[in-house]
Each structure stands twice: as C-alpha cells, then as structure tokens.
N, C-alpha and C. Protein backbone atom coordinates (compact mmCIF):
# COMPACT_ATOMS: atom_id res chain seq x y z
N MET A 1 0.84 -1.18 0.00
CA MET A 1 0.00 0.00 0.00
C MET A 1 0.88 1.24 0.00
N ASP A 2 0.54 2.22 -0.81
CA ASP A 2 1.28 3.46 -0.87
C ASP A 2 0.64 4.49 0.04
N TYR A 3 1.47 5.38 0.58
CA TYR A 3 0.98 6.45 1.42
C TYR A 3 1.32 7.78 0.78
N ILE A 4 0.52 8.75 0.98
CA ILE A 4 0.72 10.07 0.41
C ILE A 4 1.07 11.03 1.53
N LEU A 5 2.09 11.85 1.29
CA LEU A 5 2.47 12.88 2.25
C LEU A 5 1.53 14.06 2.10
N ILE A 6 0.94 14.45 3.20
CA ILE A 6 0.08 15.63 3.20
C ILE A 6 0.72 16.60 4.18
N TYR A 7 1.16 17.73 3.67
CA TYR A 7 1.79 18.72 4.53
C TYR A 7 0.98 20.00 4.48
N HIS A 8 0.54 20.45 5.61
CA HIS A 8 -0.19 21.70 5.71
C HIS A 8 0.79 22.72 6.24
N GLY A 9 1.23 23.64 5.37
CA GLY A 9 2.25 24.61 5.73
C GLY A 9 2.02 25.24 7.08
N GLY A 10 3.09 25.33 7.84
CA GLY A 10 3.02 25.97 9.14
C GLY A 10 2.68 25.03 10.28
N ARG A 11 2.27 23.81 9.95
CA ARG A 11 1.94 22.84 11.00
C ARG A 11 2.77 21.59 10.79
N ASN A 12 3.10 20.91 11.85
CA ASN A 12 3.79 19.63 11.74
C ASN A 12 2.75 18.53 11.59
N ASP A 13 2.06 18.53 10.46
CA ASP A 13 0.98 17.58 10.23
C ASP A 13 1.30 16.74 9.01
N TYR A 14 1.99 15.64 9.23
CA TYR A 14 2.35 14.74 8.15
C TYR A 14 1.48 13.50 8.29
N SER A 15 0.50 13.35 7.41
CA SER A 15 -0.44 12.24 7.48
C SER A 15 0.00 11.13 6.55
N GLY A 16 -0.49 9.94 6.77
CA GLY A 16 -0.21 8.82 5.91
C GLY A 16 1.03 8.03 6.29
N VAL A 17 1.70 8.43 7.34
CA VAL A 17 2.91 7.73 7.75
C VAL A 17 2.50 6.70 8.80
N LYS A 18 2.40 5.46 8.36
CA LYS A 18 1.93 4.43 9.28
C LYS A 18 3.02 3.42 9.60
N ASP A 19 3.79 3.03 8.60
CA ASP A 19 4.74 1.95 8.81
C ASP A 19 6.18 2.41 8.92
N MET A 20 6.42 3.69 8.77
CA MET A 20 7.78 4.21 8.88
C MET A 20 8.19 4.21 10.35
N SER A 21 9.45 3.89 10.60
CA SER A 21 9.99 3.93 11.95
C SER A 21 9.72 5.30 12.56
N PRO A 22 9.20 5.35 13.78
CA PRO A 22 8.94 6.64 14.41
C PRO A 22 10.18 7.53 14.51
N ALA A 23 11.33 6.93 14.77
CA ALA A 23 12.56 7.72 14.87
C ALA A 23 12.95 8.31 13.52
N LEU A 24 12.83 7.51 12.46
CA LEU A 24 13.15 7.99 11.12
C LEU A 24 12.16 9.07 10.69
N LYS A 25 10.89 8.83 10.96
CA LYS A 25 9.87 9.82 10.63
C LYS A 25 10.17 11.14 11.31
N GLN A 26 10.48 11.10 12.61
CA GLN A 26 10.73 12.33 13.36
C GLN A 26 11.98 13.04 12.86
N GLU A 27 13.02 12.26 12.54
CA GLU A 27 14.24 12.87 12.03
C GLU A 27 13.99 13.59 10.70
N LEU A 28 13.25 12.95 9.80
CA LEU A 28 12.93 13.58 8.52
C LEU A 28 12.05 14.80 8.70
N VAL A 29 11.06 14.70 9.55
CA VAL A 29 10.17 15.84 9.82
C VAL A 29 10.98 17.00 10.39
N ASP A 30 11.91 16.70 11.30
CA ASP A 30 12.75 17.75 11.88
C ASP A 30 13.63 18.41 10.81
N LEU A 31 14.22 17.60 9.93
CA LEU A 31 15.04 18.15 8.85
C LEU A 31 14.23 19.02 7.92
N ILE A 32 13.04 18.56 7.58
CA ILE A 32 12.15 19.32 6.69
C ILE A 32 11.76 20.64 7.35
N GLU A 33 11.39 20.58 8.61
CA GLU A 33 10.99 21.80 9.32
C GLU A 33 12.16 22.78 9.44
N HIS A 34 13.35 22.26 9.72
CA HIS A 34 14.53 23.12 9.81
C HIS A 34 14.82 23.81 8.47
N LYS A 35 14.76 23.04 7.39
CA LYS A 35 15.03 23.61 6.08
C LYS A 35 13.95 24.62 5.70
N ARG A 36 12.73 24.35 6.07
CA ARG A 36 11.63 25.28 5.82
C ARG A 36 11.88 26.60 6.55
N ASN A 37 12.31 26.51 7.80
CA ASN A 37 12.61 27.72 8.57
C ASN A 37 13.78 28.49 7.96
N GLU A 38 14.79 27.77 7.47
CA GLU A 38 15.92 28.43 6.79
C GLU A 38 15.43 29.19 5.57
N MET A 39 14.54 28.57 4.80
CA MET A 39 14.03 29.21 3.60
C MET A 39 13.22 30.46 3.94
N ILE A 40 12.40 30.39 4.98
CA ILE A 40 11.60 31.54 5.40
C ILE A 40 12.54 32.67 5.87
N HIS A 41 13.55 32.32 6.64
CA HIS A 41 14.50 33.33 7.11
C HIS A 41 15.22 33.98 5.92
N SER A 42 15.65 33.17 4.98
CA SER A 42 16.32 33.69 3.80
C SER A 42 15.40 34.61 3.01
N ASP A 43 14.15 34.22 2.88
CA ASP A 43 13.17 35.05 2.18
C ASP A 43 13.05 36.42 2.84
N ARG A 44 12.97 36.43 4.14
CA ARG A 44 12.82 37.69 4.88
C ARG A 44 14.07 38.57 4.77
N GLU A 45 15.24 37.93 4.72
CA GLU A 45 16.49 38.69 4.68
C GLU A 45 16.88 39.12 3.27
N THR A 46 16.67 38.24 2.28
CA THR A 46 17.21 38.51 0.94
C THR A 46 16.14 38.56 -0.15
N GLY A 47 14.90 38.23 0.19
CA GLY A 47 13.82 38.24 -0.81
C GLY A 47 13.58 36.86 -1.39
N PHE A 48 12.36 36.64 -1.88
CA PHE A 48 11.99 35.31 -2.34
C PHE A 48 12.61 34.92 -3.67
N GLN A 49 13.16 35.88 -4.40
CA GLN A 49 13.80 35.56 -5.68
C GLN A 49 15.32 35.51 -5.58
N SER A 50 15.85 35.64 -4.38
CA SER A 50 17.31 35.61 -4.24
C SER A 50 17.84 34.20 -4.46
N GLU A 51 19.09 34.13 -4.83
CA GLU A 51 19.73 32.83 -5.07
C GLU A 51 19.70 31.97 -3.80
N GLU A 52 19.94 32.61 -2.66
CA GLU A 52 19.95 31.87 -1.39
C GLU A 52 18.58 31.26 -1.09
N THR A 53 17.52 32.04 -1.26
CA THR A 53 16.17 31.52 -0.98
C THR A 53 15.80 30.42 -1.96
N ILE A 54 16.15 30.59 -3.21
CA ILE A 54 15.85 29.56 -4.21
C ILE A 54 16.61 28.28 -3.90
N THR A 55 17.87 28.42 -3.47
CA THR A 55 18.66 27.25 -3.09
C THR A 55 18.02 26.53 -1.91
N ARG A 56 17.61 27.29 -0.89
CA ARG A 56 16.94 26.68 0.28
C ARG A 56 15.64 25.99 -0.14
N GLY A 57 14.90 26.62 -1.04
CA GLY A 57 13.66 26.02 -1.54
C GLY A 57 13.93 24.71 -2.28
N ASN A 58 14.98 24.70 -3.08
CA ASN A 58 15.34 23.47 -3.80
C ASN A 58 15.77 22.36 -2.83
N GLU A 59 16.51 22.74 -1.80
CA GLU A 59 16.92 21.76 -0.79
C GLU A 59 15.69 21.22 -0.05
N LEU A 60 14.75 22.09 0.26
CA LEU A 60 13.51 21.65 0.90
C LEU A 60 12.75 20.69 0.00
N ASN A 61 12.67 21.00 -1.28
CA ASN A 61 12.00 20.11 -2.23
C ASN A 61 12.66 18.74 -2.26
N GLU A 62 13.99 18.71 -2.23
CA GLU A 62 14.69 17.43 -2.22
C GLU A 62 14.34 16.61 -0.98
N LEU A 63 14.31 17.25 0.17
CA LEU A 63 13.93 16.54 1.40
C LEU A 63 12.51 16.00 1.32
N LEU A 64 11.60 16.84 0.83
CA LEU A 64 10.20 16.41 0.71
C LEU A 64 10.07 15.26 -0.29
N ASN A 65 10.82 15.32 -1.38
CA ASN A 65 10.79 14.23 -2.36
C ASN A 65 11.33 12.94 -1.78
N CYS A 66 12.41 13.02 -1.01
CA CYS A 66 12.96 11.82 -0.35
C CYS A 66 11.93 11.24 0.62
N TYR A 67 11.30 12.09 1.38
CA TYR A 67 10.29 11.66 2.34
C TYR A 67 9.13 10.98 1.62
N GLN A 68 8.70 11.59 0.51
CA GLN A 68 7.60 11.03 -0.27
C GLN A 68 7.98 9.66 -0.83
N LYS A 69 9.21 9.53 -1.30
CA LYS A 69 9.65 8.24 -1.85
C LYS A 69 9.66 7.17 -0.76
N LEU A 70 10.11 7.52 0.44
CA LEU A 70 10.10 6.56 1.54
C LEU A 70 8.68 6.12 1.86
N LEU A 71 7.75 7.04 1.77
CA LEU A 71 6.35 6.71 2.07
C LEU A 71 5.75 5.79 1.02
N SER A 72 6.28 5.85 -0.19
CA SER A 72 5.69 5.07 -1.27
C SER A 72 6.24 3.64 -1.36
N ILE A 73 7.23 3.33 -0.53
CA ILE A 73 7.78 1.97 -0.52
C ILE A 73 6.77 1.05 0.16
N PRO A 74 6.37 -0.04 -0.50
CA PRO A 74 5.43 -0.97 0.14
C PRO A 74 5.99 -1.48 1.47
N THR A 75 5.12 -1.75 2.40
CA THR A 75 5.51 -2.16 3.75
C THR A 75 6.45 -3.34 3.77
N HIS A 76 6.20 -4.35 2.92
CA HIS A 76 7.02 -5.54 2.95
C HIS A 76 8.44 -5.30 2.44
N ASN A 77 8.72 -4.17 1.80
CA ASN A 77 10.07 -3.85 1.35
C ASN A 77 10.81 -2.92 2.28
N LYS A 78 10.15 -2.43 3.29
CA LYS A 78 10.79 -1.49 4.20
C LYS A 78 11.73 -2.20 5.15
N ILE A 79 12.77 -1.50 5.52
CA ILE A 79 13.75 -2.08 6.45
C ILE A 79 13.30 -1.83 7.87
C-alpha cells in the first residue's frame, strides 16, 4: 500500500505515515521543518527571488521528495 504525504504549511501535520519507523519519521520531519525555517529566514532577509532563498527552496524540495519516496515503498520492502 502506498501512502501520500500531506503537509499543511506551518503545522507539523504529516499524514499517511503508518509503517515508517517513528525515529526515522521524526528525524525527517525535523530536517524538513529546519530547512523550511531556513528558507523563510532567507526570504525575509534577501527576498523570495534571491539565489539563497531559491537554493533553500530546492533543498527543501529534495527533502520532501525523499520523504515522499520513503512513504511510497510498500511495507514488505521497508527495512
């Protein structure tokens, strides 16, 4: 069964995570939240079109994509 990541900006509300290790889930959520905060800070300091903010946004997208891929692994293939 596949799970879908649902993220409601500004809240730590990641639904659909049922079979992922709680420690791994929390570590990924923490990394995502940290990168999100970095991007927001960069936006406030340098603007949303700055190279720094765009880089932070791309890094955040990579983390979210990794998280989504982990969620899509069928339960029987998870470590």
